[in-house]
C-alpha atoms as a PDB file:
ATOM      1  CA  UNK A   1      82.980 113.450 102.884  1.00  0.00           C
ATOM      2  CA  UNK A   2      84.671 111.443 105.612  1.00  0.00           C
ATOM      3  CA  UNK A   3      86.264 108.211 104.404  1.00  0.00           C
ATOM      4  CA  UNK A   4      87.194 106.673 107.772  1.00  0.00           C
ATOM      5  CA  UNK A   5      85.357 103.458 108.644  1.00  0.00           C
ATOM      6  CA  UNK A   6      87.087 102.956 111.999  1.00  0.00           C
ATOM      7  CA  UNK A   7      87.505 105.319 114.938  1.00  0.00           C
ATOM      8  CA  UNK A   8      90.514 107.552 114.310  1.00  0.00           C
ATOM      9  CA  UNK A   9      92.392 109.918 116.594  1.00  0.00           C
ATOM     10  CA  UNK A  10      95.956 111.114 117.055  1.00  0.00           C
ATOM     11  CA  UNK A  11      96.223 108.957 120.174  1.00  0.00           C
ATOM     12  CA  UNK A  12      95.168 105.842 118.232  1.00  0.00           C
ATOM     13  CA  UNK A  13      97.461 106.672 115.311  1.00  0.00           C
ATOM     14  CA  UNK A  14     100.520 107.374 117.468  1.00  0.00           C
ATOM     15  CA  UNK A  15      99.910 104.303 119.657  1.00  0.00           C
ATOM     16  CA  UNK A  16     100.168 102.152 116.505  1.00  0.00           C
ATOM     17  CA  UNK A  17     103.859 103.121 116.204  1.00  0.00           C
ATOM     18  CA  UNK A  18     104.874 101.271 119.379  1.00  0.00           C
ATOM     19  CA  UNK A  19     107.731  98.801 118.766  1.00  0.00           C
ATOM     20  CA  UNK A  20     107.893  99.492 115.012  1.00  0.00           C
ATOM     21  CA  UNK A  21     110.179 101.139 112.483  1.00  0.00           C
ATOM     22  CA  UNK A  22     107.977 104.219 112.781  1.00  0.00           C
ATOM     23  CA  UNK A  23     108.844 104.516 116.481  1.00  0.00           C
ATOM     24  CA  UNK A  24     112.543 104.047 115.654  1.00  0.00           C
ATOM     25  CA  UNK A  25     112.386 106.893 113.088  1.00  0.00           C
ATOM     26  CA  UNK A  26     110.341 109.065 115.488  1.00  0.00           C
ATOM     27  CA  UNK A  27     107.455 109.437 113.039  1.00  0.00           C
ATOM     28  CA  UNK A  28     104.622 111.263 114.792  1.00  0.00           C
ATOM     29  CA  UNK A  29     101.084 111.720 113.500  1.00  0.00           C
ATOM     30  CA  UNK A  30     100.127 115.361 113.841  1.00  0.00           C
ATOM     31  CA  UNK A  31      96.789 115.793 112.068  1.00  0.00           C
ATOM     32  CA  UNK A  32      93.982 114.159 110.150  1.00  0.00           C
ATOM     33  CA  UNK A  33      91.007 115.523 108.263  1.00  0.00           C
ATOM     34  CA  UNK A  34      87.982 113.798 106.791  1.00  0.00           C
ATOM     35  CA  UNK A  35      90.241 112.276 104.108  1.00  0.00           C
ATOM     36  CA  UNK A  36      93.923 112.961 104.906  1.00  0.00           C
ATOM     37  CA  UNK A  37      96.515 111.870 107.460  1.00  0.00           C
ATOM     38  CA  UNK A  38      99.622 113.923 108.286  1.00  0.00           C
ATOM     39  CA  UNK A  39     102.804 112.992 110.158  1.00  0.00           C
ATOM     40  CA  UNK A  40     106.252 114.428 110.789  1.00  0.00           C
ATOM     41  CA  UNK A  41     109.692 112.825 110.795  1.00  0.00           C
ATOM     42  CA  UNK A  42     112.976 114.373 111.937  1.00  0.00           C
ATOM     43  CA  UNK A  43     115.834 114.918 109.533  1.00  0.00           C
ATOM     44  CA  UNK A  44     118.870 114.008 111.641  1.00  0.00           C
ATOM     45  CA  UNK A  45     121.623 111.424 112.067  1.00  0.00           C
ATOM     46  CA  UNK A  46     119.239 108.442 112.057  1.00  0.00           C
ATOM     47  CA  UNK A  47     117.410 109.493 108.877  1.00  0.00           C
ATOM     48  CA  UNK A  48     120.530 110.666 106.993  1.00  0.00           C
ATOM     49  CA  UNK A  49     122.387 108.909 104.218  1.00  0.00           C
ATOM     50  CA  UNK A  50     126.234 108.989 104.285  1.00  0.00           C
ATOM     51  CA  UNK A  51     126.425 112.476 102.693  1.00  0.00           C
ATOM     52  CA  UNK A  52     124.465 113.946 105.613  1.00  0.00           C
ATOM     53  CA  UNK A  53     121.201 114.422 103.725  1.00  0.00           C
ATOM     54  CA  UNK A  54     117.760 112.892 104.272  1.00  0.00           C
ATOM     55  CA  UNK A  55     117.887 109.314 103.017  1.00  0.00           C
ATOM     56  CA  UNK A  56     115.429 108.675 100.195  1.00  0.00           C
ATOM     57  CA  UNK A  57     114.482 105.396 101.862  1.00  0.00           C
ATOM     58  CA  UNK A  58     113.445 107.283 105.003  1.00  0.00           C
ATOM     59  CA  UNK A  59     111.119 109.423 102.859  1.00  0.00           C
ATOM     60  CA  UNK A  60     109.666 106.240 101.364  1.00  0.00           C
ATOM     61  CA  UNK A  61     109.139 104.808 104.860  1.00  0.00           C
ATOM     62  CA  UNK A  62     107.204 107.949 105.826  1.00  0.00           C
ATOM     63  CA  UNK A  63     105.169 107.809 102.601  1.00  0.00           C
ATOM     64  CA  UNK A  64     104.303 104.111 102.901  1.00  0.00           C
ATOM     65  CA  UNK A  65     103.487 104.536 106.581  1.00  0.00           C
ATOM     66  CA  UNK A  66     101.041 107.348 105.905  1.00  0.00           C
ATOM     67  CA  UNK A  67      99.355 105.664 102.950  1.00  0.00           C
ATOM     68  CA  UNK A  68      99.114 102.247 104.591  1.00  0.00           C
ATOM     69  CA  UNK A  69      97.756 103.558 107.872  1.00  0.00           C
ATOM     70  CA  UNK A  70      95.234 105.783 106.105  1.00  0.00           C
ATOM     71  CA  UNK A  71      94.147 102.892 103.882  1.00  0.00           C
ATOM     72  CA  UNK A  72      93.545 100.636 106.890  1.00  0.00           C
ATOM     73  CA  UNK A  73      91.304 103.236 108.523  1.00  0.00           C
ATOM     74  CA  UNK A  74      89.358 103.564 105.244  1.00  0.00           C
ATOM     75  CA  UNK A  75      88.193  99.910 105.253  1.00  0.00           C
ATOM     76  CA  UNK A  76      85.758  98.085 107.508  1.00  0.00           C
ATOM     77  CA  UNK A  77      86.749  95.580 110.199  1.00  0.00           C
ATOM     78  CA  UNK A  78      86.408  92.678 107.738  1.00  0.00           C
ATOM     79  CA  UNK A  79      89.286  93.976 105.598  1.00  0.00           C
ATOM     80  CA  UNK A  80      92.906  95.007 105.904  1.00  0.00           C
ATOM     81  CA  UNK A  81      95.326  96.757 103.567  1.00  0.00           C
ATOM     82  CA  UNK A  82      98.912  96.108 102.504  1.00  0.00           C
ATOM     83  CA  UNK A  83     101.249  97.998 100.217  1.00  0.00           C
ATOM     84  CA  UNK A  84     101.436  96.660  96.673  1.00  0.00           C
ATOM     85  CA  UNK A  85     103.598  99.230  94.893  1.00  0.00           C
ATOM     86  CA  UNK A  86     105.241 102.525  95.782  1.00  0.00           C
ATOM     87  CA  UNK A  87     107.185 105.069  93.804  1.00  0.00           C
ATOM     88  CA  UNK A  88     108.884 108.217  95.000  1.00  0.00           C
ATOM     89  CA  UNK A  89     110.395 111.257  93.354  1.00  0.00           C
ATOM     90  CA  UNK A  90     112.944 113.036  95.528  1.00  0.00           C
ATOM     91  CA  UNK A  91     112.724 116.739  94.698  1.00  0.00           C
ATOM     92  CA  UNK A  92     114.718 118.628  97.341  1.00  0.00           C
ATOM     93  CA  UNK A  93     117.481 117.594  99.740  1.00  0.00           C
ATOM     94  CA  UNK A  94     117.377 118.311 103.455  1.00  0.00           C
ATOM     95  CA  UNK A  95     120.031 118.138 106.146  1.00  0.00           C
ATOM     96  CA  UNK A  96     118.121 119.103 109.293  1.00  0.00           C
ATOM     97  CA  UNK A  97     114.709 119.955 110.658  1.00  0.00           C
ATOM     98  CA  UNK A  98     111.533 117.966 110.087  1.00  0.00           C
ATOM     99  CA  UNK A  99     109.635 116.770 107.064  1.00  0.00           C
ATOM    100  CA  UNK A 100     105.849 116.756 106.997  1.00  0.00           C
ATOM    101  CA  UNK A 101     104.015 114.116 104.998  1.00  0.00           C
ATOM    102  CA  UNK A 102     100.349 114.154 104.072  1.00  0.00           C
ATOM    103  CA  UNK A 103      98.471 111.268 102.449  1.00  0.00           C
ATOM    104  CA  UNK A 104      95.501 112.027 100.161  1.00  0.00           C
ATOM    105  CA  UNK A 105      93.324 109.338  98.544  1.00  0.00           C
ATOM    106  CA  UNK A 106      93.337 109.167  94.762  1.00  0.00           C
ATOM    107  CA  UNK A 107      91.175 106.026  94.530  1.00  0.00           C
ATOM    108  CA  UNK A 108      89.423 103.991  97.222  1.00  0.00           C
ATOM    109  CA  UNK A 109      88.044 100.827  95.693  1.00  0.00           C
ATOM    110  CA  UNK A 110      86.929  97.418  96.896  1.00  0.00           C
ATOM    111  CA  UNK A 111      90.162  95.607  95.976  1.00  0.00           C
ATOM    112  CA  UNK A 112      92.683  98.440  95.589  1.00  0.00           C
ATOM    113  CA  UNK A 113      93.390 101.908  96.838  1.00  0.00           C
ATOM    114  CA  UNK A 114      95.796 104.541  95.513  1.00  0.00           C
ATOM    115  CA  UNK A 115      97.247 107.232  97.779  1.00  0.00           C
ATOM    116  CA  UNK A 116      99.285 110.329  96.916  1.00  0.00           C
ATOM    117  CA  UNK A 117     101.736 111.327  99.630  1.00  0.00           C
ATOM    118  CA  UNK A 118     103.500 114.685  99.489  1.00  0.00           C
ATOM    119  CA  UNK A 119     106.390 115.343 101.841  1.00  0.00           C
ATOM    120  CA  UNK A 120     107.387 118.966 102.453  1.00  0.00           C
ATOM    121  CA  UNK A 121     109.817 120.914 104.590  1.00  0.00           C
ATOM    122  CA  UNK A 122     108.866 123.420 107.297  1.00  0.00           C
ATOM    123  CA  UNK A 123     108.458 126.100 104.599  1.00  0.00           C
ATOM    124  CA  UNK A 124     106.001 123.910 102.638  1.00  0.00           C
ATOM    125  CA  UNK A 125     108.499 123.251  99.833  1.00  0.00           C
ATOM    126  CA  UNK A 126     108.115 119.854  98.201  1.00  0.00           C
ATOM    127  CA  UNK A 127     110.830 117.393  99.285  1.00  0.00           C
ATOM    128  CA  UNK A 128     109.350 114.144  97.920  1.00  0.00           C
ATOM    129  CA  UNK A 129     106.187 113.083  96.162  1.00  0.00           C
ATOM    130  CA  UNK A 130     105.077 109.484  96.266  1.00  0.00           C
ATOM    131  CA  UNK A 131     102.257 107.324  95.004  1.00  0.00           C
ATOM    132  CA  UNK A 132     101.281 104.163  96.876  1.00  0.00           C
ATOM    133  CA  UNK A 133      99.053 101.403  95.534  1.00  0.00           C
ATOM    134  CA  UNK A 134      97.361  99.321  98.216  1.00  0.00           C
ATOM    135  CA  UNK A 135      95.840  95.851  98.028  1.00  0.00           C
ATOM    136  CA  UNK A 136      92.632  95.496 100.037  1.00  0.00           C
ATOM    137  CA  UNK A 137      92.355  91.988 101.486  1.00  0.00           C
ATOM    138  CA  UNK A 138      89.536  90.258 103.319  1.00  0.00           C
ATOM    139  CA  UNK A 139      90.265  88.836 106.745  1.00  0.00           C
ATOM    140  CA  UNK A 140      89.712  85.094 106.957  1.00  0.00           C
ATOM    141  CA  UNK A 141      87.262  83.787 109.483  1.00  0.00           C
ATOM    142  CA  UNK A 142      88.182  80.835 111.715  1.00  0.00           C
ATOM    143  CA  UNK A 143      86.452  78.252 109.498  1.00  0.00           C
ATOM    144  CA  UNK A 144      88.330  79.436 106.379  1.00  0.00           C
ATOM    145  CA  UNK A 145      91.603  79.421 108.326  1.00  0.00           C
ATOM    146  CA  UNK A 146      91.093  75.806 109.447  1.00  0.00           C
ATOM    147  CA  UNK A 147      90.327  74.614 105.880  1.00  0.00           C
ATOM    148  CA  UNK A 148      93.474  76.304 104.611  1.00  0.00           C
ATOM    149  CA  UNK A 149      95.631  74.629 107.265  1.00  0.00           C
ATOM    150  CA  UNK A 150      94.301  71.089 106.565  1.00  0.00           C
END
């Protein structure tokens, strides 16, 4: 069953990276299904930590990116989603190549969502597994915004 409540395509997903950390890290969306989103990120000098391995923080950026973007496509135009909590377990080190992350929904509720993001290497070996909790917020209309500012 498709969970997307907004039009989704690779062009739309990749265009959202313009002028962001995701563009800087060269994160590219490569696939989506009726309930998953997948992206790649290079493992190279700008995603390394000082020992020449993939920085755990870069893996977390990929995980939060995938979960947050997926969450925002899974809500209607009256809502938006922001990360509330993320954890990550770093399983395997990498020095070069690409990692592939895929976000799967665990729970899609009215006020929260939970996403599982698995990051693998080119041989489908687990590099990092992450769980992201999302807060679902309602957009304020103009009248509510004015009352808040008074």
